[in-house]
N, C-alpha and C. Protein backbone atom coordinates (compact mmCIF):
# COMPACT_ATOMS: atom_id res chain seq x y z
N UNK A 1 2.25 -14.24 -2.37
CA UNK A 1 2.92 -14.77 -1.25
C UNK A 1 1.79 -15.34 -0.34
N UNK A 2 2.17 -16.61 0.37
CA UNK A 2 1.34 -17.26 1.04
C UNK A 2 1.92 -17.14 2.39
N UNK A 3 1.25 -17.19 3.46
CA UNK A 3 1.59 -17.27 4.84
C UNK A 3 0.91 -18.57 5.19
N UNK A 4 1.94 -19.43 5.81
CA UNK A 4 1.82 -20.78 6.10
C UNK A 4 1.20 -20.64 7.59
N UNK A 5 2.26 -19.90 8.49
CA UNK A 5 1.98 -20.12 9.62
C UNK A 5 2.45 -18.50 10.35
N UNK A 6 1.94 -18.19 11.58
CA UNK A 6 2.11 -17.12 12.30
C UNK A 6 2.58 -17.09 13.60
N UNK A 7 3.50 -16.38 14.38
CA UNK A 7 3.91 -16.56 15.74
C UNK A 7 4.07 -15.14 16.21
N UNK A 8 3.49 -14.90 17.54
CA UNK A 8 3.88 -13.63 18.17
C UNK A 8 4.65 -13.62 19.30
N UNK A 9 5.70 -12.86 19.47
CA UNK A 9 6.40 -12.64 20.79
C UNK A 9 6.94 -11.34 21.06
N UNK A 10 7.22 -11.36 22.21
CA UNK A 10 7.34 -9.76 22.84
C UNK A 10 6.51 -8.76 22.82
N UNK A 11 5.15 -9.42 23.01
CA UNK A 11 4.24 -8.38 22.96
C UNK A 11 3.92 -7.23 24.30
N UNK A 12 3.76 -6.44 24.05
CA UNK A 12 3.51 -5.31 24.83
C UNK A 12 2.57 -4.18 24.71
N UNK A 13 2.18 -3.63 25.79
CA UNK A 13 1.01 -2.48 25.51
C UNK A 13 1.70 -1.26 25.74
N UNK A 14 1.76 -0.18 24.69
CA UNK A 14 2.08 1.03 25.12
C UNK A 14 1.04 2.04 25.47
N UNK A 15 0.87 2.47 26.54
CA UNK A 15 -0.43 2.95 27.17
C UNK A 15 -0.52 4.55 26.59
N UNK A 16 1.24 5.12 26.37
CA UNK A 16 1.14 6.39 26.10
C UNK A 16 0.43 6.82 24.87
N UNK A 17 0.39 5.79 23.72
CA UNK A 17 0.08 6.06 22.34
C UNK A 17 -1.19 5.32 22.16
N UNK A 18 -1.40 4.31 22.93
CA UNK A 18 -2.82 3.36 22.75
C UNK A 18 -2.44 2.60 21.75
N UNK A 19 -1.16 1.83 21.73
CA UNK A 19 -1.10 0.86 20.82
C UNK A 19 -0.48 -0.48 21.22
N UNK A 20 -0.59 -1.58 20.68
CA UNK A 20 0.13 -2.93 21.09
C UNK A 20 1.47 -3.51 19.98
N UNK A 21 2.42 -3.31 20.55
CA UNK A 21 3.43 -3.84 19.87
C UNK A 21 4.11 -5.11 20.03
N UNK A 22 4.41 -5.93 18.74
CA UNK A 22 4.74 -7.35 18.79
C UNK A 22 5.71 -7.52 17.84
N UNK A 23 6.61 -8.69 18.20
CA UNK A 23 7.47 -9.50 17.08
C UNK A 23 6.72 -10.43 16.45
N UNK A 24 6.43 -10.36 15.29
CA UNK A 24 5.83 -11.45 14.63
C UNK A 24 6.65 -12.04 13.62
N UNK A 25 6.44 -13.47 13.80
CA UNK A 25 7.29 -14.30 13.12
C UNK A 25 6.16 -15.14 11.89
N UNK A 26 6.81 -14.80 10.34
CA UNK A 26 5.49 -15.21 9.66
C UNK A 26 6.24 -16.44 8.92
N UNK A 27 5.78 -17.51 8.55
CA UNK A 27 6.21 -18.46 7.61
C UNK A 27 5.72 -18.43 6.37
N UNK A 28 6.48 -18.08 5.03
CA UNK A 28 5.92 -17.58 4.18
C UNK A 28 6.59 -18.66 3.06
N UNK A 29 5.54 -18.73 2.02
CA UNK A 29 6.10 -19.48 0.64
C UNK A 29 5.61 -18.46 -0.48
N UNK A 30 6.66 -18.34 -1.47
CA UNK A 30 6.53 -17.60 -2.53
C UNK A 30 6.80 -18.52 -3.68
N UNK A 31 5.91 -18.17 -4.68
CA UNK A 31 6.16 -19.11 -6.09
C UNK A 31 7.38 -19.10 -6.24
N UNK A 32 7.89 -20.44 -6.59
CA UNK A 32 9.16 -20.60 -7.04
C UNK A 32 10.70 -20.11 -5.80
N UNK A 33 10.21 -20.50 -4.67
CA UNK A 33 10.88 -20.27 -3.50
C UNK A 33 10.65 -21.02 -2.75
N UNK A 34 11.39 -21.28 -1.49
CA UNK A 34 11.35 -22.22 -0.16
C UNK A 34 10.58 -21.42 0.69
N UNK A 35 10.19 -22.22 1.60
CA UNK A 35 9.41 -21.62 2.74
C UNK A 35 10.68 -20.76 3.69
N UNK A 36 10.11 -19.77 4.03
CA UNK A 36 11.22 -19.03 4.82
C UNK A 36 10.45 -18.40 5.69
N UNK A 37 11.25 -18.23 6.99
CA UNK A 37 10.77 -17.30 7.96
C UNK A 37 10.85 -15.64 7.75
N UNK A 38 9.98 -14.65 7.94
CA UNK A 38 10.32 -13.39 7.91
C UNK A 38 9.73 -12.97 9.44
N UNK A 39 10.65 -12.05 10.20
CA UNK A 39 10.30 -11.62 11.33
C UNK A 39 10.35 -10.08 11.48
N UNK A 40 9.30 -9.56 11.89
CA UNK A 40 9.16 -7.82 11.80
C UNK A 40 8.35 -7.53 13.13
N UNK A 41 8.87 -6.27 13.29
CA UNK A 41 8.23 -5.60 14.58
C UNK A 41 7.00 -4.71 13.95
N UNK A 42 6.05 -4.90 14.50
CA UNK A 42 4.80 -4.14 14.43
C UNK A 42 3.96 -3.68 15.39
N UNK A 43 3.24 -2.49 14.90
CA UNK A 43 2.06 -2.01 16.27
C UNK A 43 0.84 -1.71 15.50
N UNK A 44 -0.38 -1.95 16.26
CA UNK A 44 -1.47 -1.66 15.72
C UNK A 44 -2.16 -0.76 17.09
N UNK A 45 -3.29 -0.27 16.89
CA UNK A 45 -4.31 0.36 17.71
C UNK A 45 -4.60 -0.64 18.70
N UNK A 46 -4.89 -0.20 19.74
CA UNK A 46 -5.54 -1.10 21.09
C UNK A 46 -6.80 -1.49 20.67
N UNK A 47 -7.69 -0.39 20.18
CA UNK A 47 -9.02 -0.32 19.67
C UNK A 47 -8.99 -0.42 18.48
N UNK A 48 -9.94 -1.22 17.70
CA UNK A 48 -9.70 -1.62 16.43
C UNK A 48 -10.67 -2.45 16.12
N UNK A 49 -11.18 -3.14 14.95
CA UNK A 49 -11.98 -4.06 14.34
C UNK A 49 -11.18 -5.58 14.47
N UNK A 50 -11.85 -6.43 15.00
CA UNK A 50 -11.05 -7.83 15.22
C UNK A 50 -10.34 -7.60 16.20
N UNK A 51 -9.97 -9.22 16.01
CA UNK A 51 -8.86 -9.20 17.35
C UNK A 51 -7.77 -8.76 17.31
N UNK A 52 -6.78 -8.37 18.07
CA UNK A 52 -5.77 -7.78 18.31
C UNK A 52 -4.40 -8.77 17.55
N UNK A 53 -4.67 -10.07 17.79
CA UNK A 53 -3.57 -10.84 17.09
C UNK A 53 -3.77 -11.13 15.45
N UNK A 54 -4.92 -10.97 15.12
CA UNK A 54 -5.42 -11.16 13.53
C UNK A 54 -4.95 -9.76 12.80
N UNK A 55 -5.27 -8.64 14.09
CA UNK A 55 -4.67 -7.63 12.99
C UNK A 55 -3.14 -6.99 13.17
N UNK A 56 -2.11 -7.61 14.20
CA UNK A 56 -0.96 -7.68 14.11
C UNK A 56 -0.51 -8.62 13.02
N UNK A 57 -0.98 -9.92 12.68
CA UNK A 57 -0.46 -10.74 11.72
C UNK A 57 -0.90 -9.90 10.51
N UNK A 58 -1.82 -9.43 10.04
CA UNK A 58 -2.41 -8.75 8.95
C UNK A 58 -1.56 -7.70 8.65
N UNK A 59 -1.07 -6.82 9.63
CA UNK A 59 0.05 -5.60 9.31
C UNK A 59 1.26 -6.18 8.89
N UNK A 60 1.74 -7.05 10.09
CA UNK A 60 2.99 -7.56 9.36
C UNK A 60 2.98 -8.19 7.96
N UNK A 61 2.24 -9.02 7.63
CA UNK A 61 2.02 -9.56 6.35
C UNK A 61 2.03 -8.35 4.83
N UNK A 62 1.32 -7.18 5.42
CA UNK A 62 1.08 -6.16 4.51
C UNK A 62 2.85 -5.52 4.26
N UNK A 63 3.43 -5.54 5.55
CA UNK A 63 4.88 -4.90 5.66
C UNK A 63 5.80 -5.59 4.46
N UNK A 64 5.52 -6.96 5.13
CA UNK A 64 6.44 -8.11 4.12
C UNK A 64 6.01 -7.85 2.83
N UNK A 65 5.05 -7.70 2.28
CA UNK A 65 4.46 -7.69 0.98
C UNK A 65 5.42 -6.57 0.42
N UNK A 66 4.96 -5.54 1.19
CA UNK A 66 5.75 -4.53 0.71
C UNK A 66 7.38 -4.47 0.42
N UNK A 67 7.72 -5.09 1.49
CA UNK A 67 9.49 -5.34 1.18
C UNK A 67 9.71 -6.16 0.56
N UNK A 68 8.73 -7.37 0.38
CA UNK A 68 9.46 -8.60 -0.62
C UNK A 68 9.27 -8.01 -2.24
N UNK A 69 8.39 -7.13 -2.44
CA UNK A 69 8.02 -6.89 -3.62
C UNK A 69 9.28 -6.39 -4.56
N UNK A 70 9.25 -6.43 -5.97
CA UNK A 70 10.32 -6.03 -6.56
C UNK A 70 10.23 -4.60 -6.72
N UNK A 71 11.13 -3.79 -6.79
CA UNK A 71 11.15 -2.22 -6.94
C UNK A 71 11.04 -1.97 -8.18
N UNK A 72 10.19 -1.77 -9.21
CA UNK A 72 10.43 -1.65 -10.81
C UNK A 72 11.18 -0.13 -10.87
N UNK A 73 10.87 0.84 -9.81
CA UNK A 73 11.35 2.00 -10.37
C UNK A 73 13.05 2.32 -10.31
N UNK A 74 13.60 1.38 -10.04
CA UNK A 74 14.98 1.28 -9.89
C UNK A 74 15.55 0.57 -11.24
N UNK A 75 16.58 1.24 -11.78
CA UNK A 75 17.25 0.26 -13.01
C UNK A 75 17.59 -1.04 -12.77
N UNK A 76 17.55 -1.82 -13.63
CA UNK A 76 18.13 -3.28 -13.38
C UNK A 76 19.27 -3.42 -13.45
N UNK A 77 20.27 -3.82 -12.73
CA UNK A 77 21.95 -3.92 -12.92
C UNK A 77 22.11 -5.26 -13.13
N UNK A 78 22.98 -5.75 -14.38
CA UNK A 78 23.38 -6.97 -14.67
C UNK A 78 24.46 -7.77 -13.98
């Protein structure tokens, strides 16, 4: 999975839990498929290593990779 572009929207700070939440739009290219958008809501701690924007994009990319990976534990149905 290759991330071509990323955009953040609806960014808000949750002071009670010390986290930043945002809607992350990723433009993703997978081998053999067209470029397509993936939109995920994710959150990261306010304090952390690196810029908040980069951490939000990285977390969204990890969630997208887990969601797009085929589940090999399920039987294949023809």
